[in-house]
Amino acid sequence: MLLSIVVPVYKEEKNVPEFLRRMRPILEAITQDYEIIFALDPSPDRTKEVVLEHRAADARVKLLTFSRRFGQPMATLAGLQYSRGQAVIVMDVDLQDPPELVSEMYAKWREGFDVVYAQRRDRKGETWLKILVAAVGYRVINRLADVTIPPNTGDFRLMSRRVVDELNRLKECHGFLRGMVALVGFRQTSVMFDRPARFAGQGNYNRFVGSLRIGFNGIFCFSNAALTLSTLMGFAIAGFSFLLMLVYLTMKVLQFFDIIHPTFYWGTPAIMVLVSFLGGVQLICIGILGEYIGRIYEEVKQRPKFIVDHGFGFEAAPAPVAPQRADLADPVQPAPAPGAPHQAAGPNQPPAPAPGTVAIPPGPEVASSPAVLPVRLADT
């Protein structure tokens, strides 16, 4: 039973040897039939050479390289699409995802769970700001989104083959894996662990900005609650403005009849505060609309999620499927009148049946994922 390990990498030449040194004995104790897929964004260091050196000694180490940088989420999705295992584990190479946890995750999968995600008890090496942003972000996402994402989890998880197949069928291009796995569903459970610090090097993305991006993907890609919130905010401000108008008119009437003395004034500072407040709310609402429109724009372009340059150790690549458009489909030809001469079929039309025969329509085509383009497959 094949077990696949998918590892997205970028500038990780120092971590790859230690990762393989610790991972191999654990996998050997589970099964001899495994593959370790490194999905490498074009890297300025020697990560590619280091992986290929280990592949020369062990053909179960495989490598995907891309035509340009597509980012860690897309590299992860590429590894999932090229994996063949009945169970697939996604993890980082920096050893913050402990290889020793793989055995426990595999045992949970053997019990019948389709998803086994690693849930952190401790986050060593992270600043208090990162921890605070993560804690607040998970609560906000789970309150607003249509899916429930377990707190203190990352992409480190084991997934069964049917979960991976369903993930490969999804058309989203944002690559927010933990949200996509929650959307797919099936039986899920967790294993707890204390997250250690990186083995070597520095992280390859800004932690604060990365956390915000993850939070935005969780909210805007899996919920329309932000749009509803902006609508409610508009109604609330409109109601507040109406109340202010009533207060102002009441004060003016009371002053006109000399019931109260003119001690209530609308000065320039109050007007500036109100205008600034309303302007800020408008910009927030426009920004929310922009987030949704930007994601719609990315989705409707239907560009490939990634383009593989070389695949080292892969016998075949997933076949590409050209997007179909209704306006480019072959027009429906009218049925010939009785006694009309037989007409030759067009370049995109099947030949007409001979007289006295019955035409059998072709069966449905089986579409594969449009996420990849044809690749050159190499082996060393």
Protein backbone atom coordinates (compact mmCIF):
# COMPACT_ATOMS: atom_id res chain seq x y z
CA MET A 1 0.00 0.00 0.00
CA LEU A 2 1.70 3.16 -1.25
CA LEU A 3 2.21 6.07 1.16
CA SER A 4 2.95 9.51 -0.34
CA ILE A 5 4.71 12.39 1.42
CA VAL A 6 4.24 15.80 -0.25
CA VAL A 7 6.79 18.43 0.77
CA PRO A 8 6.69 21.96 -0.74
CA VAL A 9 10.17 23.51 -0.66
CA TYR A 10 11.86 26.82 -1.43
CA LYS A 11 15.38 27.75 -0.33
CA GLU A 12 15.62 24.71 1.97
CA GLU A 13 18.99 23.16 1.00
CA LYS A 14 20.06 22.92 4.67
CA ASN A 15 16.85 21.26 5.84
CA VAL A 16 16.41 18.60 3.14
CA PRO A 17 19.21 16.22 4.29
CA GLU A 18 18.12 16.28 7.94
CA PHE A 19 14.47 15.87 6.94
CA LEU A 20 15.27 12.75 4.91
CA ARG A 21 17.57 11.38 7.62
CA ARG A 22 14.74 11.50 10.15
CA MET A 23 11.91 10.60 7.78
CA ARG A 24 13.32 7.48 6.10
CA PRO A 25 13.50 5.20 9.19
CA ILE A 26 9.95 6.16 10.16
CA LEU A 27 8.60 5.34 6.71
CA GLU A 28 10.63 2.12 6.54
CA ALA A 29 8.98 0.99 9.78
CA ILE A 30 5.54 1.59 8.26
CA THR A 31 5.98 0.32 4.70
CA GLN A 32 8.62 -0.18 2.04
CA ASP A 33 6.24 1.18 -0.57
CA TYR A 34 6.40 4.95 -0.21
CA GLU A 35 7.30 8.07 -2.17
CA ILE A 36 8.60 11.46 -1.01
CA ILE A 37 7.59 14.22 -3.44
CA PHE A 38 9.46 17.51 -3.17
CA ALA A 39 7.52 20.28 -4.94
CA LEU A 40 10.15 22.95 -5.58
CA ASP A 41 9.46 26.54 -6.54
CA PRO A 42 12.43 27.89 -8.55
CA SER A 43 14.98 28.44 -5.82
CA PRO A 44 18.21 30.50 -5.92
CA ASP A 45 20.07 28.04 -3.71
CA ARG A 46 21.05 24.39 -4.22
CA THR A 47 17.79 22.83 -3.04
CA LYS A 48 17.23 21.15 -6.42
CA GLU A 49 20.74 19.69 -6.55
CA VAL A 50 20.48 18.42 -2.97
CA VAL A 51 17.18 16.66 -3.67
CA LEU A 52 18.54 15.09 -6.87
CA GLU A 53 21.61 13.83 -5.01
CA HIS A 54 19.34 11.97 -2.61
CA ARG A 55 17.20 10.76 -5.50
CA ALA A 56 20.29 9.21 -7.09
CA ALA A 57 20.60 7.02 -3.98
CA ASP A 58 16.86 6.35 -3.53
CA ALA A 59 14.39 6.37 -6.44
CA ARG A 60 11.50 6.84 -4.01
CA VAL A 61 12.60 10.45 -3.62
CA LYS A 62 10.91 12.46 -6.38
CA LEU A 63 11.02 16.08 -7.47
CA LEU A 64 8.67 18.51 -9.21
CA THR A 65 10.03 21.81 -10.52
CA PHE A 66 7.92 24.63 -11.90
CA SER A 67 8.29 27.07 -14.78
CA ARG A 68 8.24 29.99 -12.34
CA ARG A 69 7.36 30.70 -8.72
CA PHE A 70 3.74 29.84 -7.99
CA GLY A 71 3.98 29.91 -4.19
CA GLN A 72 3.77 27.28 -1.48
CA PRO A 73 -0.01 26.63 -1.75
CA MET A 74 0.21 25.86 -5.47
CA ALA A 75 3.31 23.71 -4.96
CA THR A 76 1.35 21.72 -2.39
CA LEU A 77 -1.57 21.24 -4.78
CA ALA A 78 0.84 20.10 -7.49
CA GLY A 79 2.31 17.50 -5.17
CA LEU A 80 -1.18 16.26 -4.32
CA GLN A 81 -2.06 15.96 -7.99
CA TYR A 82 1.09 13.95 -8.78
CA SER A 83 0.86 11.71 -5.70
CA ARG A 84 -0.28 8.11 -6.12
CA GLY A 85 -0.52 6.87 -2.54
CA GLN A 86 -3.60 5.52 -0.81
CA ALA A 87 -2.66 7.87 2.01
CA VAL A 88 -1.00 11.24 1.38
CA ILE A 89 0.75 13.37 4.01
CA VAL A 90 1.48 17.07 3.49
CA MET A 91 4.22 18.54 5.68
CA ASP A 92 6.97 21.16 5.76
CA VAL A 93 10.64 20.33 5.34
CA ASP A 94 11.90 22.64 8.12
CA LEU A 95 11.09 19.96 10.75
CA GLN A 96 8.55 22.15 12.52
CA ASP A 97 6.23 19.35 11.42
CA PRO A 98 7.90 16.46 13.30
CA PRO A 99 8.42 13.35 11.14
CA GLU A 100 7.94 11.25 14.27
CA LEU A 101 4.23 12.16 14.17
CA VAL A 102 3.73 10.33 10.87
CA SER A 103 3.42 6.92 12.56
CA GLU A 104 0.61 8.14 14.81
CA MET A 105 -1.20 9.76 11.88
CA TYR A 106 -0.87 6.57 9.85
CA ALA A 107 -2.32 4.53 12.72
CA LYS A 108 -5.33 6.86 12.88
CA TRP A 109 -5.85 6.43 9.15
CA ARG A 110 -5.77 2.64 9.57
CA GLU A 111 -8.57 3.05 12.12
CA GLY A 112 -10.80 4.47 9.38
CA PHE A 113 -10.28 8.23 9.46
CA ASP A 114 -9.97 10.01 6.11
CA VAL A 115 -8.22 13.13 7.45
CA VAL A 116 -5.79 13.23 10.35
CA TYR A 117 -4.59 16.76 11.04
CA ALA A 118 -1.83 17.77 13.46
CA GLN A 119 -3.00 20.22 16.12
CA ARG A 120 -0.40 22.26 17.99
CA ARG A 121 -0.18 22.43 21.75
CA ASP A 122 2.77 24.80 21.69
CA ARG A 123 4.19 27.22 19.08
CA LYS A 124 7.87 27.57 19.92
CA GLY A 125 9.85 30.15 18.00
CA GLU A 126 6.86 32.37 17.21
CA THR A 127 6.33 35.91 18.44
CA TRP A 128 3.45 36.89 20.68
CA LEU A 129 2.00 38.95 17.82
CA LYS A 130 1.90 35.92 15.51
CA ILE A 131 0.28 33.81 18.24
CA LEU A 132 -2.29 36.54 18.95
CA VAL A 133 -3.14 37.02 15.27
CA ALA A 134 -3.52 33.26 14.79
CA ALA A 135 -5.79 32.87 17.82
CA VAL A 136 -8.05 35.76 16.80
CA GLY A 137 -8.01 34.68 13.16
CA TYR A 138 -9.24 31.16 13.85
CA ARG A 139 -12.10 32.46 15.98
CA VAL A 140 -13.16 34.98 13.35
CA ILE A 141 -12.98 32.45 10.52
CA ASN A 142 -14.98 29.83 12.40
CA ARG A 143 -17.58 32.43 13.34
CA LEU A 144 -18.02 33.81 9.81
CA ALA A 145 -17.05 31.03 7.40
CA ASP A 146 -19.25 28.21 6.16
CA VAL A 147 -16.63 25.64 7.19
CA THR A 148 -15.07 24.90 10.57
CA ILE A 149 -11.28 24.97 10.69
CA PRO A 150 -9.76 23.46 13.85
CA PRO A 151 -7.65 26.04 15.71
CA ASN A 152 -3.86 25.80 15.82
CA THR A 153 -3.65 23.64 12.73
CA GLY A 154 -1.65 24.10 9.56
CA ASP A 155 -1.28 22.11 6.37
CA PHE A 156 0.41 19.21 8.20
CA ARG A 157 -2.12 16.41 7.78
CA LEU A 158 -2.74 12.95 6.38
CA MET A 159 -5.49 12.49 3.79
CA SER A 160 -6.94 9.37 2.25
CA ARG A 161 -6.95 8.88 -1.50
CA ARG A 162 -10.62 9.77 -1.87
CA VAL A 163 -10.06 13.06 -0.04
CA VAL A 164 -7.12 13.89 -2.32
CA ASP A 165 -9.18 13.02 -5.39
CA GLU A 166 -11.95 15.34 -4.26
CA LEU A 167 -9.42 18.11 -3.59
CA ASN A 168 -8.04 17.70 -7.10
CA ARG A 169 -11.55 18.15 -8.47
CA LEU A 170 -12.06 21.51 -6.77
CA LYS A 171 -11.68 24.53 -9.05
CA GLU A 172 -10.62 27.11 -6.46
CA CYS A 173 -7.32 28.79 -7.24
CA HIS A 174 -6.60 30.28 -3.80
CA GLY A 175 -4.87 27.15 -2.48
CA PHE A 176 -6.14 27.51 1.12
CA LEU A 177 -5.67 23.82 1.86
CA ARG A 178 -7.07 23.64 5.39
CA GLY A 179 -10.27 25.33 4.25
CA MET A 180 -10.56 23.06 1.20
CA VAL A 181 -10.11 19.96 3.35
CA ALA A 182 -12.80 21.21 5.73
CA LEU A 183 -15.06 21.81 2.73
CA VAL A 184 -14.56 18.27 1.40
CA GLY A 185 -15.46 16.74 4.76
CA PHE A 186 -15.32 12.97 5.53
CA ARG A 187 -14.21 11.54 8.89
CA GLN A 188 -11.58 13.73 10.50
CA THR A 189 -9.59 13.57 13.71
CA SER A 190 -6.53 15.20 15.24
CA VAL A 191 -3.23 14.30 16.85
CA MET A 192 -1.70 16.76 19.31
CA PHE A 193 1.94 17.85 19.23
CA ASP A 194 4.31 20.55 20.47
CA ARG A 195 5.60 22.49 17.50
CA PRO A 196 9.40 22.90 17.64
CA ALA A 197 11.49 25.68 16.13
CA ARG A 198 12.92 25.48 12.61
CA PHE A 199 15.91 23.20 12.19
CA ALA A 200 17.85 25.68 10.03
CA GLY A 201 17.37 28.91 8.13
CA GLN A 202 14.62 31.47 8.25
CA GLY A 203 11.00 31.35 7.16
CA ASN A 204 10.42 32.34 3.54
CA TYR A 205 7.42 34.60 4.08
CA ASN A 206 6.38 37.45 6.35
CA ARG A 207 4.57 35.81 9.24
CA PHE A 208 2.27 38.72 9.99
CA VAL A 209 1.33 39.33 6.35
CA GLY A 210 1.06 35.59 5.75
CA SER A 211 -1.32 35.21 8.68
CA LEU A 212 -3.49 38.05 7.37
CA ARG A 213 -3.56 36.47 3.92
CA ILE A 214 -4.61 33.15 5.40
CA GLY A 215 -7.32 34.87 7.41
CA PHE A 216 -8.65 36.73 4.37
CA ASN A 217 -8.75 33.50 2.36
CA GLY A 218 -10.66 31.78 5.13
CA ILE A 219 -13.25 34.57 5.30
CA PHE A 220 -13.65 35.67 1.69
CA CYS A 221 -13.27 32.27 0.01
CA PHE A 222 -15.66 30.35 2.24
CA SER A 223 -18.27 32.88 3.31
CA ASN A 224 -20.23 35.94 2.19
CA ALA A 225 -20.54 37.13 5.79
CA ALA A 226 -18.34 40.16 5.09
CA LEU A 227 -20.81 41.37 2.46
CA THR A 228 -23.67 40.91 4.90
CA LEU A 229 -21.70 42.76 7.56
CA SER A 230 -21.10 45.72 5.24
CA THR A 231 -24.83 45.84 4.45
CA LEU A 232 -25.75 45.81 8.14
CA MET A 233 -23.14 48.48 8.80
CA GLY A 234 -24.75 50.66 6.14
CA PHE A 235 -28.19 50.27 7.69
CA ALA A 236 -26.81 50.99 11.16
CA ILE A 237 -25.09 54.18 10.03
CA ALA A 238 -28.20 55.28 8.14
CA GLY A 239 -30.28 54.73 11.27
CA PHE A 240 -27.76 56.62 13.38
CA SER A 241 -27.84 59.54 10.92
CA PHE A 242 -31.65 59.58 11.05
CA LEU A 243 -31.55 59.76 14.87
CA LEU A 244 -29.07 62.64 14.71
CA MET A 245 -31.39 64.45 12.32
CA LEU A 246 -34.31 64.00 14.73
CA VAL A 247 -32.22 65.31 17.63
CA TYR A 248 -31.12 68.32 15.60
CA LEU A 249 -34.67 69.17 14.47
CA THR A 250 -36.01 68.74 18.01
CA MET A 251 -33.39 71.09 19.42
CA LYS A 252 -34.13 73.66 16.73
CA VAL A 253 -37.88 73.57 17.43
CA LEU A 254 -37.34 73.91 21.18
CA GLN A 255 -34.99 76.83 20.61
CA PHE A 256 -37.48 78.51 18.25
CA PHE A 257 -40.21 78.48 20.91
CA ASP A 258 -37.69 79.58 23.51
CA ILE A 259 -38.27 76.42 25.52
CA ILE A 260 -34.56 75.88 25.90
CA HIS A 261 -31.63 78.18 25.54
CA PRO A 262 -29.39 77.77 22.47
CA THR A 263 -26.72 75.68 24.12
CA PHE A 264 -26.67 72.93 21.47
CA TYR A 265 -24.41 73.72 18.50
CA TRP A 266 -23.14 71.79 15.50
CA GLY A 267 -19.54 72.88 15.09
CA THR A 268 -16.90 72.17 12.47
CA PRO A 269 -15.08 69.51 14.56
CA ALA A 270 -18.24 67.42 14.92
CA ILE A 271 -18.90 67.60 11.18
CA MET A 272 -15.31 66.61 10.37
CA VAL A 273 -15.49 63.64 12.72
CA LEU A 274 -18.75 62.43 11.15
CA VAL A 275 -17.46 62.89 7.60
CA SER A 276 -14.20 61.07 8.41
CA PHE A 277 -16.12 58.24 10.06
CA LEU A 278 -18.44 57.83 7.10
CA GLY A 279 -15.52 58.00 4.68
CA GLY A 280 -13.70 55.26 6.57
CA VAL A 281 -16.76 53.02 6.58
CA GLN A 282 -17.21 53.54 2.85
CA LEU A 283 -13.59 52.61 2.16
CA ILE A 284 -13.97 49.48 4.29
CA CYS A 285 -17.07 48.43 2.35
CA ILE A 286 -15.36 49.15 -0.97
CA GLY A 287 -12.39 47.08 0.19
CA ILE A 288 -14.66 44.16 1.07
CA LEU A 289 -16.26 44.34 -2.37
CA GLY A 290 -12.79 44.53 -3.90
CA GLU A 291 -11.68 41.37 -2.12
CA TYR A 292 -14.63 39.42 -3.50
CA ILE A 293 -14.35 40.92 -6.99
CA GLY A 294 -10.61 40.22 -7.09
CA ARG A 295 -11.20 36.57 -6.23
CA ILE A 296 -13.96 36.31 -8.81
CA TYR A 297 -11.57 37.80 -11.38
CA GLU A 298 -8.91 35.22 -10.54
CA GLU A 299 -11.39 32.34 -10.75
CA VAL A 300 -13.05 33.24 -14.05
CA LYS A 301 -9.72 33.55 -15.89
CA GLN A 302 -9.27 29.78 -15.44
CA ARG A 303 -5.52 29.99 -15.66
CA PRO A 304 -3.56 26.89 -14.63
CA LYS A 305 -2.79 26.76 -10.94
CA PHE A 306 0.77 25.73 -11.71
CA ILE A 307 2.96 24.77 -14.66
CA VAL A 308 5.38 21.92 -14.10
CA ASP A 309 8.76 22.23 -15.82
CA HIS A 310 10.28 18.85 -14.94
CA GLY A 311 9.08 15.81 -13.06
CA PHE A 312 11.89 13.61 -11.76
CA GLY A 313 10.66 10.11 -10.99
CA PHE A 314 7.19 10.29 -12.52
CA GLU A 315 6.21 7.83 -15.21
CA ALA A 316 3.35 9.95 -16.57
CA ALA A 317 1.84 13.36 -16.04
CA PRO A 318 -1.86 14.09 -15.55
CA ALA A 319 -3.39 14.78 -18.94
CA PRO A 320 -4.36 18.41 -19.60
CA VAL A 321 -7.93 19.33 -20.43
CA ALA A 322 -8.68 22.41 -22.51
CA PRO A 323 -11.45 24.60 -21.06
CA GLN A 324 -14.74 24.32 -22.92
CA ARG A 325 -16.79 27.35 -23.90
CA ALA A 326 -20.39 27.20 -24.95
CA ASP A 327 -19.94 29.88 -27.62
CA LEU A 328 -17.21 27.81 -29.32
CA ALA A 329 -19.15 24.57 -29.38
CA ASP A 330 -20.09 23.05 -32.72
CA PRO A 331 -23.48 24.32 -33.89
CA VAL A 332 -26.34 21.88 -33.94
CA GLN A 333 -27.05 20.82 -37.51
CA PRO A 334 -30.71 20.58 -38.55
CA ALA A 335 -32.02 17.16 -39.40
CA PRO A 336 -32.15 16.51 -43.17
CA ALA A 337 -35.50 16.42 -44.82
CA PRO A 338 -36.85 13.05 -45.96
CA GLY A 339 -35.29 12.11 -49.26
CA ALA A 340 -32.54 14.72 -49.03
CA PRO A 341 -29.09 13.59 -50.20
CA HIS A 342 -26.55 12.58 -47.58
CA GLN A 343 -24.13 15.40 -46.67
CA ALA A 344 -20.53 14.92 -45.60
CA ALA A 345 -19.73 15.57 -41.99
CA GLY A 346 -17.76 18.68 -41.02
CA PRO A 347 -14.33 18.56 -39.39
CA ASN A 348 -15.86 18.51 -35.90
CA GLN A 349 -18.94 16.43 -36.72
CA PRO A 350 -19.22 12.63 -36.64
CA PRO A 351 -20.20 11.01 -39.94
CA ALA A 352 -23.90 10.58 -40.53
CA PRO A 353 -25.23 7.03 -40.14
CA ALA A 354 -25.84 5.04 -43.25
CA PRO A 355 -29.45 4.42 -44.32
CA GLY A 356 -31.09 1.69 -42.29
CA THR A 357 -28.71 2.03 -39.31
CA VAL A 358 -29.16 3.55 -35.87
CA ALA A 359 -26.76 6.27 -34.65
CA ILE A 360 -25.32 5.59 -31.19
CA PRO A 361 -24.31 8.79 -29.37
CA PRO A 362 -20.79 8.84 -27.93
CA GLY A 363 -20.38 8.32 -24.22
CA PRO A 364 -19.40 11.12 -21.83
CA GLU A 365 -15.77 12.12 -21.82
CA VAL A 366 -13.81 11.66 -18.63
CA ALA A 367 -12.24 14.99 -17.75
CA SER A 368 -9.04 15.20 -15.79
CA SER A 369 -7.88 18.14 -13.74
CA PRO A 370 -7.13 21.31 -15.74
CA ALA A 371 -4.58 22.40 -13.18
CA VAL A 372 -1.49 21.30 -15.12
CA LEU A 373 -0.04 21.62 -18.58
CA PRO A 374 2.03 19.03 -20.49
CA VAL A 375 5.38 18.54 -18.82
CA ARG A 376 8.72 17.08 -19.66
CA LEU A 377 9.41 14.09 -17.46
CA ALA A 378 12.98 13.39 -16.53
CA ASP A 379 14.78 10.95 -14.33
CA THR A 380 18.22 10.87 -12.90
